[in-house]
């Protein structure tokens, strides 16, 4: 009884093992190249850059439209100053504040660049 039980368990285990045995697929050269090209990140990045370039092909990015720029510079200083005048008097200022503001607007427009903007 005990031997038949062990034999039955062994037979079931053997049948399960036989059904689960599978060999690896043969990988041809064409399939290997295809898998390598699909998983290459440099190719994926270049495809993304190409789609970005196609999207950015507009008259504004080509340089046909003018560019307007503005800048504002605000400079604040706190200084200690000692000044001696010609008559010999000394003038001292502690924590003297100096404020300077510079601002401007610029317009840049390329009139002709050798047909580069139309390429």
PDB file of N, CA and C in Angstrom:
ATOM      1  N   UNK A   1       0.813  -1.189   0.000  1.00  0.00           N
ATOM      2  CA  UNK A   1       0.000   0.000   0.000  1.00  0.00           C
ATOM      3  C   UNK A   1       0.860   1.257   0.000  1.00  0.00           C
ATOM      4  N   UNK A   2       1.898   1.192   0.833  1.00  0.00           N
ATOM      5  CA  UNK A   2       2.773   2.348   0.941  1.00  0.00           C
ATOM      6  C   UNK A   2       3.566   2.528  -0.351  1.00  0.00           C
ATOM      7  N   UNK A   3       4.022   1.449  -0.963  1.00  0.00           N
ATOM      8  CA  UNK A   3       4.770   1.536  -2.213  1.00  0.00           C
ATOM      9  C   UNK A   3       3.897   2.042  -3.356  1.00  0.00           C
ATOM     10  N   UNK A   4       2.656   1.623  -3.374  1.00  0.00           N
ATOM     11  CA  UNK A   4       1.766   2.087  -4.444  1.00  0.00           C
ATOM     12  C   UNK A   4       1.458   3.577  -4.291  1.00  0.00           C
ATOM     13  N   UNK A   5       1.382   4.058  -3.071  1.00  0.00           N
ATOM     14  CA  UNK A   5       1.132   5.473  -2.829  1.00  0.00           C
ATOM     15  C   UNK A   5       2.338   6.301  -3.295  1.00  0.00           C
ATOM     16  N   UNK A   6       3.543   5.847  -2.986  1.00  0.00           N
ATOM     17  CA  UNK A   6       4.749   6.546  -3.419  1.00  0.00           C
ATOM     18  C   UNK A   6       4.866   6.489  -4.936  1.00  0.00           C
ATOM     19  N   UNK A   7       4.550   5.336  -5.506  1.00  0.00           N
ATOM     20  CA  UNK A   7       4.597   5.181  -6.952  1.00  0.00           C
ATOM     21  C   UNK A   7       3.582   6.103  -7.632  1.00  0.00           C
ATOM     22  N   UNK A   8       2.403   6.238  -7.075  1.00  0.00           N
ATOM     23  CA  UNK A   8       1.362   7.103  -7.623  1.00  0.00           C
ATOM     24  C   UNK A   8       1.803   8.573  -7.545  1.00  0.00           C
ATOM     25  N   UNK A   9       2.370   8.987  -6.425  1.00  0.00           N
ATOM     26  CA  UNK A   9       2.846  10.361  -6.270  1.00  0.00           C
ATOM     27  C   UNK A   9       3.990  10.650  -7.237  1.00  0.00           C
ATOM     28  N   UNK A  10       4.879   9.701  -7.400  1.00  0.00           N
ATOM     29  CA  UNK A  10       5.981   9.868  -8.328  1.00  0.00           C
ATOM     30  C   UNK A  10       5.473   9.977  -9.753  1.00  0.00           C
ATOM     31  N   UNK A  11       4.487   9.172 -10.112  1.00  0.00           N
ATOM     32  CA  UNK A  11       3.912   9.206 -11.447  1.00  0.00           C
ATOM     33  C   UNK A  11       3.238  10.552 -11.718  1.00  0.00           C
ATOM     34  N   UNK A  12       2.512  11.092 -10.756  1.00  0.00           N
ATOM     35  CA  UNK A  12       1.867  12.409 -10.914  1.00  0.00           C
ATOM     36  C   UNK A  12       2.925  13.496 -11.044  1.00  0.00           C
ATOM     37  N   UNK A  13       3.954  13.456 -10.217  1.00  0.00           N
ATOM     38  CA  UNK A  13       5.030  14.441 -10.282  1.00  0.00           C
ATOM     39  C   UNK A  13       5.750  14.362 -11.633  1.00  0.00           C
ATOM     40  N   UNK A  14       5.971  13.175 -12.124  1.00  0.00           N
ATOM     41  CA  UNK A  14       6.623  12.973 -13.420  1.00  0.00           C
ATOM     42  C   UNK A  14       5.765  13.541 -14.558  1.00  0.00           C
ATOM     43  N   UNK A  15       4.454  13.322 -14.491  1.00  0.00           N
ATOM     44  CA  UNK A  15       3.545  13.854 -15.528  1.00  0.00           C
ATOM     45  C   UNK A  15       3.527  15.377 -15.515  1.00  0.00           C
ATOM     46  N   UNK A  16       3.555  15.968 -14.311  1.00  0.00           N
ATOM     47  CA  UNK A  16       3.562  17.437 -14.207  1.00  0.00           C
ATOM     48  C   UNK A  16       4.860  17.988 -14.782  1.00  0.00           C
ATOM     49  N   UNK A  17       5.973  17.342 -14.475  1.00  0.00           N
ATOM     50  CA  UNK A  17       7.266  17.803 -14.970  1.00  0.00           C
ATOM     51  C   UNK A  17       7.348  17.706 -16.480  1.00  0.00           C
ATOM     52  N   UNK A  18       6.803  16.663 -17.045  1.00  0.00           N
ATOM     53  CA  UNK A  18       6.855  16.499 -18.504  1.00  0.00           C
ATOM     54  C   UNK A  18       6.043  17.588 -19.196  1.00  0.00           C
ATOM     55  N   UNK A  19       4.890  17.922 -18.645  1.00  0.00           N
ATOM     56  CA  UNK A  19       4.068  18.945 -19.292  1.00  0.00           C
ATOM     57  C   UNK A  19       4.677  20.328 -19.151  1.00  0.00           C
ATOM     58  N   UNK A  20       5.484  20.574 -18.145  1.00  0.00           N
ATOM     59  CA  UNK A  20       6.073  21.896 -17.934  1.00  0.00           C
ATOM     60  C   UNK A  20       7.402  22.073 -18.657  1.00  0.00           C
ATOM     61  N   UNK A  21       7.975  21.030 -19.206  1.00  0.00           N
ATOM     62  CA  UNK A  21       9.243  21.153 -19.890  1.00  0.00           C
ATOM     63  C   UNK A  21       9.052  21.817 -21.244  1.00  0.00           C
ATOM     64  N   UNK A  22       9.721  22.931 -21.434  1.00  0.00           N
ATOM     65  CA  UNK A  22       9.706  23.643 -22.713  1.00  0.00           C
ATOM     66  C   UNK A  22      11.124  24.091 -22.999  1.00  0.00           C
ATOM     67  N   UNK A  23      11.541  23.960 -24.203  1.00  0.00           N
ATOM     68  CA  UNK A  23      12.867  24.424 -24.584  1.00  0.00           C
ATOM     69  C   UNK A  23      12.787  25.910 -24.923  1.00  0.00           C
ATOM     70  N   UNK A  24      13.953  26.579 -24.936  1.00  0.00           N
ATOM     71  CA  UNK A  24      13.992  27.993 -25.307  1.00  0.00           C
ATOM     72  C   UNK A  24      13.766  28.133 -26.797  1.00  0.00           C
ATOM     73  N   UNK A  25      13.211  29.286 -27.185  1.00  0.00           N
ATOM     74  CA  UNK A  25      13.007  29.552 -28.599  1.00  0.00           C
ATOM     75  C   UNK A  25      14.338  29.821 -29.273  1.00  0.00           C
ATOM     76  N   UNK A  26      14.408  29.499 -30.520  1.00  0.00           N
ATOM     77  CA  UNK A  26      15.591  29.820 -31.310  1.00  0.00           C
ATOM     78  C   UNK A  26      15.475  31.282 -31.711  1.00  0.00           C
ATOM     79  N   UNK A  27      16.517  32.060 -31.418  1.00  0.00           N
ATOM     80  CA  UNK A  27      16.516  33.484 -31.719  1.00  0.00           C
ATOM     81  C   UNK A  27      17.346  33.707 -32.972  1.00  0.00           C
ATOM     82  N   UNK A  28      16.670  34.141 -34.014  1.00  0.00           N
ATOM     83  CA  UNK A  28      17.383  34.384 -35.271  1.00  0.00           C
ATOM     84  C   UNK A  28      18.058  35.751 -35.213  1.00  0.00           C
ATOM     85  N   UNK A  29      18.947  35.997 -36.161  1.00  0.00           N
ATOM     86  CA  UNK A  29      19.670  37.264 -36.220  1.00  0.00           C
ATOM     87  C   UNK A  29      18.713  38.425 -36.464  1.00  0.00           C
ATOM     88  N   UNK A  30      17.736  38.224 -37.327  1.00  0.00           N
ATOM     89  CA  UNK A  30      16.769  39.287 -37.622  1.00  0.00           C
ATOM     90  C   UNK A  30      15.953  39.650 -36.387  1.00  0.00           C
ATOM     91  N   UNK A  31      15.546  38.629 -35.625  1.00  0.00           N
ATOM     92  CA  UNK A  31      14.787  38.893 -34.404  1.00  0.00           C
ATOM     93  C   UNK A  31      15.638  39.613 -33.366  1.00  0.00           C
ATOM     94  N   UNK A  32      16.909  39.237 -33.255  1.00  0.00           N
ATOM     95  CA  UNK A  32      17.804  39.891 -32.299  1.00  0.00           C
ATOM     96  C   UNK A  32      18.004  41.355 -32.652  1.00  0.00           C
ATOM     97  N   UNK A  33      18.180  41.645 -33.936  1.00  0.00           N
ATOM     98  CA  UNK A  33      18.348  43.039 -34.367  1.00  0.00           C
ATOM     99  C   UNK A  33      17.063  43.815 -34.139  1.00  0.00           C
ATOM    100  N   UNK A  34      15.913  43.193 -34.415  1.00  0.00           N
ATOM    101  CA  UNK A  34      14.630  43.858 -34.223  1.00  0.00           C
ATOM    102  C   UNK A  34      14.410  44.202 -32.747  1.00  0.00           C
ATOM    103  N   UNK A  35      14.720  43.281 -31.857  1.00  0.00           N
ATOM    104  CA  UNK A  35      14.566  43.526 -30.417  1.00  0.00           C
ATOM    105  C   UNK A  35      15.529  44.610 -29.959  1.00  0.00           C
ATOM    106  N   UNK A  36      16.758  44.579 -30.457  1.00  0.00           N
ATOM    107  CA  UNK A  36      17.742  45.598 -30.072  1.00  0.00           C
ATOM    108  C   UNK A  36      17.320  46.980 -30.536  1.00  0.00           C
ATOM    109  N   UNK A  37      16.771  47.079 -31.741  1.00  0.00           N
ATOM    110  CA  UNK A  37      16.336  48.388 -32.247  1.00  0.00           C
ATOM    111  C   UNK A  37      15.109  48.900 -31.512  1.00  0.00           C
ATOM    112  N   UNK A  38      14.209  48.010 -31.109  1.00  0.00           N
ATOM    113  CA  UNK A  38      13.018  48.438 -30.382  1.00  0.00           C
ATOM    114  C   UNK A  38      13.359  48.924 -28.978  1.00  0.00           C
ATOM    115  N   UNK A  39      14.398  48.373 -28.368  1.00  0.00           N
ATOM    116  CA  UNK A  39      14.739  48.712 -26.988  1.00  0.00           C
ATOM    117  C   UNK A  39      15.907  49.676 -26.881  1.00  0.00           C
ATOM    118  N   UNK A  40      16.364  50.263 -27.971  1.00  0.00           N
ATOM    119  CA  UNK A  40      17.481  51.188 -27.944  1.00  0.00           C
ATOM    120  C   UNK A  40      16.974  52.579 -27.548  1.00  0.00           C
ATOM    121  N   UNK A  41      17.494  53.106 -26.432  1.00  0.00           N
ATOM    122  CA  UNK A  41      17.020  54.394 -25.930  1.00  0.00           C
ATOM    123  C   UNK A  41      17.497  55.559 -26.786  1.00  0.00           C
ATOM    124  N   UNK A  42      18.643  55.446 -27.421  1.00  0.00           N
ATOM    125  CA  UNK A  42      19.106  56.532 -28.276  1.00  0.00           C
ATOM    126  C   UNK A  42      18.176  56.723 -29.473  1.00  0.00           C
ATOM    127  N   UNK A  43      17.666  55.620 -30.007  1.00  0.00           N
ATOM    128  CA  UNK A  43      16.717  55.717 -31.115  1.00  0.00           C
ATOM    129  C   UNK A  43      15.407  56.329 -30.629  1.00  0.00           C
ATOM    130  N   UNK A  44      14.956  55.942 -29.439  1.00  0.00           N
ATOM    131  CA  UNK A  44      13.724  56.528 -28.889  1.00  0.00           C
ATOM    132  C   UNK A  44      13.901  58.020 -28.647  1.00  0.00           C
ATOM    133  N   UNK A  45      15.067  58.435 -28.129  1.00  0.00           N
ATOM    134  CA  UNK A  45      15.317  59.857 -27.873  1.00  0.00           C
ATOM    135  C   UNK A  45      15.364  60.629 -29.193  1.00  0.00           C
ATOM    136  N   UNK A  46      16.000  60.058 -30.215  1.00  0.00           N
ATOM    137  CA  UNK A  46      16.065  60.767 -31.498  1.00  0.00           C
ATOM    138  C   UNK A  46      14.688  60.882 -32.137  1.00  0.00           C
ATOM    139  N   UNK A  47      13.820  59.872 -31.959  1.00  0.00           N
ATOM    140  CA  UNK A  47      12.448  59.987 -32.471  1.00  0.00           C
ATOM    141  C   UNK A  47      11.687  61.084 -31.740  1.00  0.00           C
ATOM    142  N   UNK A  48      11.891  61.193 -30.413  1.00  0.00           N
ATOM    143  CA  UNK A  48      11.238  62.255 -29.657  1.00  0.00           C
ATOM    144  C   UNK A  48      11.749  63.629 -30.076  1.00  0.00           C
ATOM    145  N   UNK A  49      13.056  63.750 -30.306  1.00  0.00           N
ATOM    146  CA  UNK A  49      13.606  65.028 -30.749  1.00  0.00           C
ATOM    147  C   UNK A  49      13.085  65.401 -32.136  1.00  0.00           C
ATOM    148  N   UNK A  50      12.889  64.416 -32.998  1.00  0.00           N
ATOM    149  CA  UNK A  50      12.330  64.684 -34.328  1.00  0.00           C
ATOM    150  C   UNK A  50      10.903  65.203 -34.213  1.00  0.00           C
ATOM    151  N   UNK A  51      10.101  64.616 -33.333  1.00  0.00           N
ATOM    152  CA  UNK A  51       8.727  65.110 -33.169  1.00  0.00           C
ATOM    153  C   UNK A  51       8.719  66.506 -32.553  1.00  0.00           C
ATOM    154  N   UNK A  52       9.669  66.801 -31.667  1.00  0.00           N
ATOM    155  CA  UNK A  52       9.773  68.156 -31.098  1.00  0.00           C
ATOM    156  C   UNK A  52      10.142  69.152 -32.193  1.00  0.00           C
ATOM    157  N   UNK A  53      11.091  68.774 -33.056  1.00  0.00           N
ATOM    158  CA  UNK A  53      11.486  69.666 -34.147  1.00  0.00           C
ATOM    159  C   UNK A  53      10.336  69.913 -35.116  1.00  0.00           C
ATOM    160  N   UNK A  54       9.531  68.881 -35.395  1.00  0.00           N
ATOM    161  CA  UNK A  54       8.375  69.071 -36.271  1.00  0.00           C
ATOM    162  C   UNK A  54       7.353  70.005 -35.631  1.00  0.00           C
ATOM    163  N   UNK A  55       7.184  69.889 -34.321  1.00  0.00           N
ATOM    164  CA  UNK A  55       6.233  70.746 -33.615  1.00  0.00           C
ATOM    165  C   UNK A  55       6.725  72.190 -33.566  1.00  0.00           C
ATOM    166  N   UNK A  56       8.028  72.386 -33.434  1.00  0.00           N
ATOM    167  CA  UNK A  56       8.592  73.730 -33.312  1.00  0.00           C
ATOM    168  C   UNK A  56       8.808  74.420 -34.648  1.00  0.00           C
ATOM    169  N   UNK A  57       8.433  73.805 -35.739  1.00  0.00           N
ATOM    170  CA  UNK A  57       8.604  74.429 -37.052  1.00  0.00           C
ATOM    171  C   UNK A  57       7.483  75.446 -37.255  1.00  0.00           C
ATOM    172  N   UNK A  58       7.726  76.658 -36.775  1.00  0.00           N
ATOM    173  CA  UNK A  58       6.742  77.732 -36.921  1.00  0.00           C
ATOM    174  C   UNK A  58       7.479  79.005 -37.321  1.00  0.00           C
ATOM    175  N   UNK A  59       6.733  80.019 -37.741  1.00  0.00           N
ATOM    176  CA  UNK A  59       7.379  81.252 -38.184  1.00  0.00           C
ATOM    177  C   UNK A  59       8.051  81.982 -37.026  1.00  0.00           C
ATOM    178  N   UNK A  60       7.547  81.815 -35.833  1.00  0.00           N
ATOM    179  CA  UNK A  60       8.171  82.461 -34.677  1.00  0.00           C
ATOM    180  C   UNK A  60       9.506  81.838 -34.326  1.00  0.00           C
ATOM    181  N   UNK A  61       9.590  80.516 -34.392  1.00  0.00           N
ATOM    182  CA  UNK A  61      10.849  79.839 -34.085  1.00  0.00           C
ATOM    183  C   UNK A  61      11.839  79.908 -35.237  1.00  0.00           C
ATOM    184  N   UNK A  62      11.381  80.172 -36.441  1.00  0.00           N
ATOM    185  CA  UNK A  62      12.278  80.270 -37.586  1.00  0.00           C
ATOM    186  C   UNK A  62      12.981  81.624 -37.644  1.00  0.00           C
ATOM    187  N   UNK A  63      12.552  82.596 -36.869  1.00  0.00           N
ATOM    188  CA  UNK A  63      13.187  83.901 -36.858  1.00  0.00           C
ATOM    189  C   UNK A  63      12.551  84.913 -37.769  1.00  0.00           C
ATOM    190  N   UNK A  64      11.367  84.611 -38.287  1.00  0.00           N
ATOM    191  CA  UNK A  64      10.697  85.560 -39.184  1.00  0.00           C
ATOM    192  C   UNK A  64      10.069  86.696 -38.387  1.00  0.00           C
ATOM    193  N   UNK A  65       9.521  86.389 -37.229  1.00  0.00           N
ATOM    194  CA  UNK A  65       8.882  87.409 -36.407  1.00  0.00           C
ATOM    195  C   UNK A  65       9.922  88.163 -35.584  1.00  0.00           C
ATOM    196  N   UNK A  66       9.634  89.404 -35.226  1.00  0.00           N
ATOM    197  CA  UNK A  66      10.579  90.155 -34.384  1.00  0.00           C
ATOM    198  C   UNK A  66      10.573  89.643 -32.948  1.00  0.00           C
ATOM    199  N   UNK A  67      11.682  89.907 -32.255  1.00  0.00           N
ATOM    200  CA  UNK A  67      11.806  89.543 -30.842  1.00  0.00           C
ATOM    201  C   UNK A  67      11.824  90.805 -29.996  1.00  0.00           C
ATOM    202  N   UNK A  68      11.025  90.811 -28.961  1.00  0.00           N
ATOM    203  CA  UNK A  68      10.971  91.925 -28.032  1.00  0.00           C
ATOM    204  C   UNK A  68      11.515  91.436 -26.700  1.00  0.00           C
ATOM    205  N   UNK A  69      12.424  92.211 -26.123  1.00  0.00           N
ATOM    206  CA  UNK A  69      12.975  91.857 -24.820  1.00  0.00           C
ATOM    207  C   UNK A  69      12.925  93.067 -23.909  1.00  0.00           C
ATOM    208  N   UNK A  70      12.760  92.804 -22.635  1.00  0.00           N
ATOM    209  CA  UNK A  70      12.737  93.868 -21.635  1.00  0.00           C
ATOM    210  C   UNK A  70      13.597  93.439 -20.459  1.00  0.00           C
ATOM    211  N   UNK A  71      14.269  94.425 -19.847  1.00  0.00           N
ATOM    212  CA  UNK A  71      15.058  94.111 -18.664  1.00  0.00           C
ATOM    213  C   UNK A  71      14.921  95.216 -17.641  1.00  0.00           C
ATOM    214  N   UNK A  72      14.984  94.830 -16.382  1.00  0.00           N
ATOM    215  CA  UNK A  72      14.927  95.747 -15.254  1.00  0.00           C
ATOM    216  C   UNK A  72      16.001  95.310 -14.279  1.00  0.00           C
ATOM    217  N   UNK A  73      16.864  96.243 -13.889  1.00  0.00           N
ATOM    218  CA  UNK A  73      17.917  95.966 -12.905  1.00  0.00           C
ATOM    219  C   UNK A  73      17.733  96.938 -11.757  1.00  0.00           C
ATOM    220  N   UNK A  74      17.553  96.393 -10.578  1.00  0.00           N
ATOM    221  CA  UNK A  74      17.399  97.200  -9.371  1.00  0.00           C
ATOM    222  C   UNK A  74      18.588  96.896  -8.470  1.00  0.00           C
ATOM    223  N   UNK A  75      19.411  97.907  -8.196  1.00  0.00           N
ATOM    224  CA  UNK A  75      20.628  97.731  -7.414  1.00  0.00           C
ATOM    225  C   UNK A  75      20.518  98.564  -6.150  1.00  0.00           C
ATOM    226  N   UNK A  76      20.614  97.937  -4.994  1.00  0.00           N
ATOM    227  CA  UNK A  76      20.534  98.616  -3.702  1.00  0.00           C
ATOM    228  C   UNK A  76      21.832  98.382  -2.944  1.00  0.00           C
ATOM    229  N   UNK A  77      22.427  99.461  -2.426  1.00  0.00           N
ATOM    230  CA  UNK A  77      23.680  99.373  -1.672  1.00  0.00           C
ATOM    231  C   UNK A  77      23.534 100.086  -0.350  1.00  0.00           C
ATOM    232  N   UNK A  78      24.202  99.574   0.661  1.00  0.00           N
ATOM    233  CA  UNK A  78      24.339 100.251   1.950  1.00  0.00           C
ATOM    234  C   UNK A  78      25.841 100.378   2.195  1.00  0.00           C
ATOM    235  N   UNK A  79      26.318 101.615   2.352  1.00  0.00           N
ATOM    236  CA  UNK A  79      27.753 101.842   2.491  1.00  0.00           C
ATOM    237  C   UNK A  79      28.031 102.756   3.672  1.00  0.00           C
ATOM    238  N   UNK A  80      29.276 102.666   4.175  1.00  0.00           N
ATOM    239  CA  UNK A  80      29.796 103.601   5.167  1.00  0.00           C
ATOM    240  C   UNK A  80      30.769 104.512   4.441  1.00  0.00           C
ATOM    241  N   UNK A  81      30.629 105.837   4.603  1.00  0.00           N
ATOM    242  CA  UNK A  81      31.379 106.797   3.815  1.00  0.00           C
ATOM    243  C   UNK A  81      32.039 107.813   4.736  1.00  0.00           C
ATOM    244  N   UNK A  82      33.320 108.047   4.512  1.00  0.00           N
ATOM    245  CA  UNK A  82      34.044 109.127   5.199  1.00  0.00           C
ATOM    246  C   UNK A  82      34.641 110.004   4.111  1.00  0.00           C
ATOM    247  N   UNK A  83      34.309 111.325   4.164  1.00  0.00           N
ATOM    248  CA  UNK A  83      34.703 112.242   3.110  1.00  0.00           C
ATOM    249  C   UNK A  83      35.434 113.426   3.747  1.00  0.00           C
ATOM    250  N   UNK A  84      36.638 113.705   3.222  1.00  0.00           N
ATOM    251  CA  UNK A  84      37.395 114.870   3.698  1.00  0.00           C
ATOM    252  C   UNK A  84      37.376 115.911   2.593  1.00  0.00           C
ATOM    253  N   UNK A  85      36.897 117.110   2.919  1.00  0.00           N
ATOM    254  CA  UNK A  85      36.770 118.169   1.919  1.00  0.00           C
ATOM    255  C   UNK A  85      38.048 119.001   1.848  1.00  0.00           C
ATOM    256  N   UNK A  86      38.095 119.909   0.884  1.00  0.00           N
ATOM    257  CA  UNK A  86      39.278 120.733   0.677  1.00  0.00           C
ATOM    258  C   UNK A  86      39.523 121.648   1.875  1.00  0.00           C
ATOM    259  N   UNK A  87      38.457 122.128   2.477  1.00  0.00           N
ATOM    260  CA  UNK A  87      38.621 123.051   3.609  1.00  0.00           C
ATOM    261  C   UNK A  87      38.990 122.315   4.902  1.00  0.00           C
ATOM    262  N   UNK A  88      39.101 120.980   4.884  1.00  0.00           N
ATOM    263  CA  UNK A  88      39.532 120.213   6.048  1.00  0.00           C
ATOM    264  C   UNK A  88      38.393 119.614   6.856  1.00  0.00           C
ATOM    265  N   UNK A  89      37.169 119.940   6.527  1.00  0.00           N
ATOM    266  CA  UNK A  89      36.047 119.365   7.269  1.00  0.00           C
ATOM    267  C   UNK A  89      35.838 117.907   6.841  1.00  0.00           C
ATOM    268  N   UNK A  90      35.441 117.098   7.808  1.00  0.00           N
ATOM    269  CA  UNK A  90      35.226 115.670   7.559  1.00  0.00           C
ATOM    270  C   UNK A  90      33.728 115.386   7.640  1.00  0.00           C
ATOM    271  N   UNK A  91      33.227 114.724   6.640  1.00  0.00           N
ATOM    272  CA  UNK A  91      31.812 114.345   6.596  1.00  0.00           C
ATOM    273  C   UNK A  91      31.746 112.817   6.655  1.00  0.00           C
ATOM    274  N   UNK A  92      31.029 112.269   7.632  1.00  0.00           N
ATOM    275  CA  UNK A  92      30.927 110.820   7.812  1.00  0.00           C
ATOM    276  C   UNK A  92      29.461 110.405   7.706  1.00  0.00           C
ATOM    277  N   UNK A  93      29.226 109.405   6.909  1.00  0.00           N
ATOM    278  CA  UNK A  93      27.885 108.828   6.778  1.00  0.00           C
ATOM    279  C   UNK A  93      27.976 107.331   7.064  1.00  0.00           C
ATOM    280  N   UNK A  94      27.188 106.852   8.003  1.00  0.00           N
ATOM    281  CA  UNK A  94      27.115 105.427   8.302  1.00  0.00           C
ATOM    282  C   UNK A  94      25.790 104.880   7.788  1.00  0.00           C
ATOM    283  N   UNK A  95      25.836 103.702   7.191  1.00  0.00           N
ATOM    284  CA  UNK A  95      24.653 103.031   6.629  1.00  0.00           C
ATOM    285  C   UNK A  95      23.936 103.900   5.597  1.00  0.00           C
ATOM    286  N   UNK A  96      24.727 104.524   4.721  1.00  0.00           N
ATOM    287  CA  UNK A  96      24.148 105.344   3.662  1.00  0.00           C
ATOM    288  C   UNK A  96      23.564 104.412   2.594  1.00  0.00           C
ATOM    289  N   UNK A  97      22.373 104.711   2.158  1.00  0.00           N
ATOM    290  CA  UNK A  97      21.683 103.864   1.174  1.00  0.00           C
ATOM    291  C   UNK A  97      21.812 104.485  -0.210  1.00  0.00           C
ATOM    292  N   UNK A  98      22.065 103.626  -1.194  1.00  0.00           N
ATOM    293  CA  UNK A  98      22.169 104.050  -2.578  1.00  0.00           C
ATOM    294  C   UNK A  98      21.287 103.123  -3.402  1.00  0.00           C
ATOM    295  N   UNK A  99      20.334 103.665  -4.126  1.00  0.00           N
ATOM    296  CA  UNK A  99      19.425 102.885  -4.969  1.00  0.00           C
ATOM    297  C   UNK A  99      19.625 103.288  -6.425  1.00  0.00           C
ATOM    298  N   UNK A 100      19.788 102.288  -7.295  1.00  0.00           N
ATOM    299  CA  UNK A 100      19.924 102.532  -8.717  1.00  0.00           C
ATOM    300  C   UNK A 100      18.984 101.595  -9.457  1.00  0.00           C
ATOM    301  N   UNK A 101      18.199 102.132 -10.383  1.00  0.00           N
ATOM    302  CA  UNK A 101      17.316 101.299 -11.193  1.00  0.00           C
ATOM    303  C   UNK A 101      17.575 101.594 -12.662  1.00  0.00           C
ATOM    304  N   UNK A 102      17.833 100.524 -13.417  1.00  0.00           N
ATOM    305  CA  UNK A 102      18.066 100.635 -14.851  1.00  0.00           C
ATOM    306  C   UNK A 102      17.020  99.759 -15.540  1.00  0.00           C
ATOM    307  N   UNK A 103      16.381 100.290 -16.562  1.00  0.00           N
ATOM    308  CA  UNK A 103      15.370  99.520 -17.274  1.00  0.00           C
ATOM    309  C   UNK A 103      15.455  99.839 -18.753  1.00  0.00           C
ATOM    310  N   UNK A 104      14.954  98.927 -19.546  1.00  0.00           N
ATOM    311  CA  UNK A 104      14.985  99.148 -20.981  1.00  0.00           C
ATOM    312  C   UNK A 104      14.178  98.100 -21.730  1.00  0.00           C
ATOM    313  N   UNK A 105      13.848  98.443 -22.968  1.00  0.00           N
ATOM    314  CA  UNK A 105      13.107  97.556 -23.857  1.00  0.00           C
ATOM    315  C   UNK A 105      13.874  97.498 -25.169  1.00  0.00           C
ATOM    316  N   UNK A 106      13.971  96.291 -25.730  1.00  0.00           N
ATOM    317  CA  UNK A 106      14.688  96.138 -26.992  1.00  0.00           C
ATOM    318  C   UNK A 106      13.848  95.398 -28.011  1.00  0.00           C
ATOM    319  N   UNK A 107      14.035  95.756 -29.273  1.00  0.00           N
ATOM    320  CA  UNK A 107      13.348  95.107 -30.382  1.00  0.00           C
ATOM    321  C   UNK A 107      14.413  94.624 -31.359  1.00  0.00           C
ATOM    322  N   UNK A 108      14.370  93.334 -31.680  1.00  0.00           N
ATOM    323  CA  UNK A 108      15.347  92.742 -32.588  1.00  0.00           C
ATOM    324  C   UNK A 108      14.593  92.047 -33.710  1.00  0.00           C
ATOM    325  N   UNK A 109      14.920  92.412 -34.951  1.00  0.00           N
ATOM    326  CA  UNK A 109      14.245  91.820 -36.089  1.00  0.00           C
ATOM    327  C   UNK A 109      15.262  91.619 -37.197  1.00  0.00           C
ATOM    328  N   UNK A 110      15.444  90.394 -37.605  1.00  0.00           N
ATOM    329  CA  UNK A 110      16.360  90.078 -38.686  1.00  0.00           C
ATOM    330  C   UNK A 110      15.628  90.295 -40.004  1.00  0.00           C
ATOM    331  N   UNK A 111      16.145  91.195 -40.817  1.00  0.00           N
ATOM    332  CA  UNK A 111      15.493  91.513 -42.070  1.00  0.00           C
ATOM    333  C   UNK A 111      15.826  90.455 -43.125  1.00  0.00           C
ATOM    334  N   UNK A 112      17.110  90.062 -43.232  1.00  0.00           N
ATOM    335  CA  UNK A 112      17.502  89.057 -44.224  1.00  0.00           C
ATOM    336  C   UNK A 112      18.642  88.239 -43.643  1.00  0.00           C
ATOM    337  N   UNK A 113      18.507  86.937 -43.690  1.00  0.00           N
ATOM    338  CA  UNK A 113      19.562  86.062 -43.175  1.00  0.00           C
ATOM    339  C   UNK A 113      19.962  85.003 -44.198  1.00  0.00           C
ATOM    340  N   UNK A 114      19.898  85.309 -45.450  1.00  0.00           N
ATOM    341  CA  UNK A 114      20.301  84.371 -46.492  1.00  0.00           C
ATOM    342  C   UNK A 114      19.334  83.250 -46.711  1.00  0.00           C
ATOM    343  N   UNK A 115      18.062  83.504 -46.585  1.00  0.00           N
ATOM    344  CA  UNK A 115      16.976  82.517 -46.772  1.00  0.00           C
ATOM    345  C   UNK A 115      17.014  81.388 -45.746  1.00  0.00           C
ATOM    346  N   UNK A 116      17.752  81.545 -44.650  1.00  0.00           N
ATOM    347  CA  UNK A 116      17.804  80.496 -43.624  1.00  0.00           C
ATOM    348  C   UNK A 116      16.460  80.331 -42.944  1.00  0.00           C
ATOM    349  N   UNK A 117      15.734  81.419 -42.749  1.00  0.00           N
ATOM    350  CA  UNK A 117      14.440  81.331 -42.063  1.00  0.00           C
ATOM    351  C   UNK A 117      13.381  80.623 -42.898  1.00  0.00           C
ATOM    352  N   UNK A 118      13.607  80.494 -44.191  1.00  0.00           N
ATOM    353  CA  UNK A 118      12.628  79.815 -45.047  1.00  0.00           C
ATOM    354  C   UNK A 118      12.994  78.355 -45.308  1.00  0.00           C
ATOM    355  N   UNK A 119      14.153  77.946 -44.832  1.00  0.00           N
ATOM    356  CA  UNK A 119      14.598  76.559 -45.078  1.00  0.00           C
ATOM    357  C   UNK A 119      13.814  75.577 -44.235  1.00  0.00           C
TER     358      UNK A 119
END
